[in-house]
């Protein structure tokens, strides 16, 4: 994932630099560079979100959660994970619907289906979904008192 996010970032950066060069140095507008840069930006952000979730880098306020006993904390974390799974499932479904709805629509600047842009949503959030399932499993083991939790 990190390599894909890095490739998306480098491609986006290269396209933006090329766009600035063509527009201000050569005085030629190349319209597809802006749209392609936006596509790479979308992939970069969604892959970066997945990496941040994997490494537990998203902002969390845990002052109340940290004061709970171990099993109560595990129970609250299970509820949070189930809520997250429901939310992610809805967003994944919405991404699939967007893919389907835009499958016949071409990008404005180049001949590529817009569904390739929206495929980034279900793919990235499916990774988040399975990571959250793992969190739920760990919380459940802790709740049940498993020594491997």
Foldseek 3Di string as FASTA:
>chain_A
DVVLLVVLVVLLVVLVVVQCCCCPVVVDHQPVSVVSSVLSVLLNVLLVVLVCVVVVNDDDDCPVLVPDPQLVSLVVLLVVLVVVLVVLVVQLVVLVVVLVVQQPPADPRDGDTCSVSSVSSNVSSVSVNVVSVVSNVVSVCSNVPPPVD
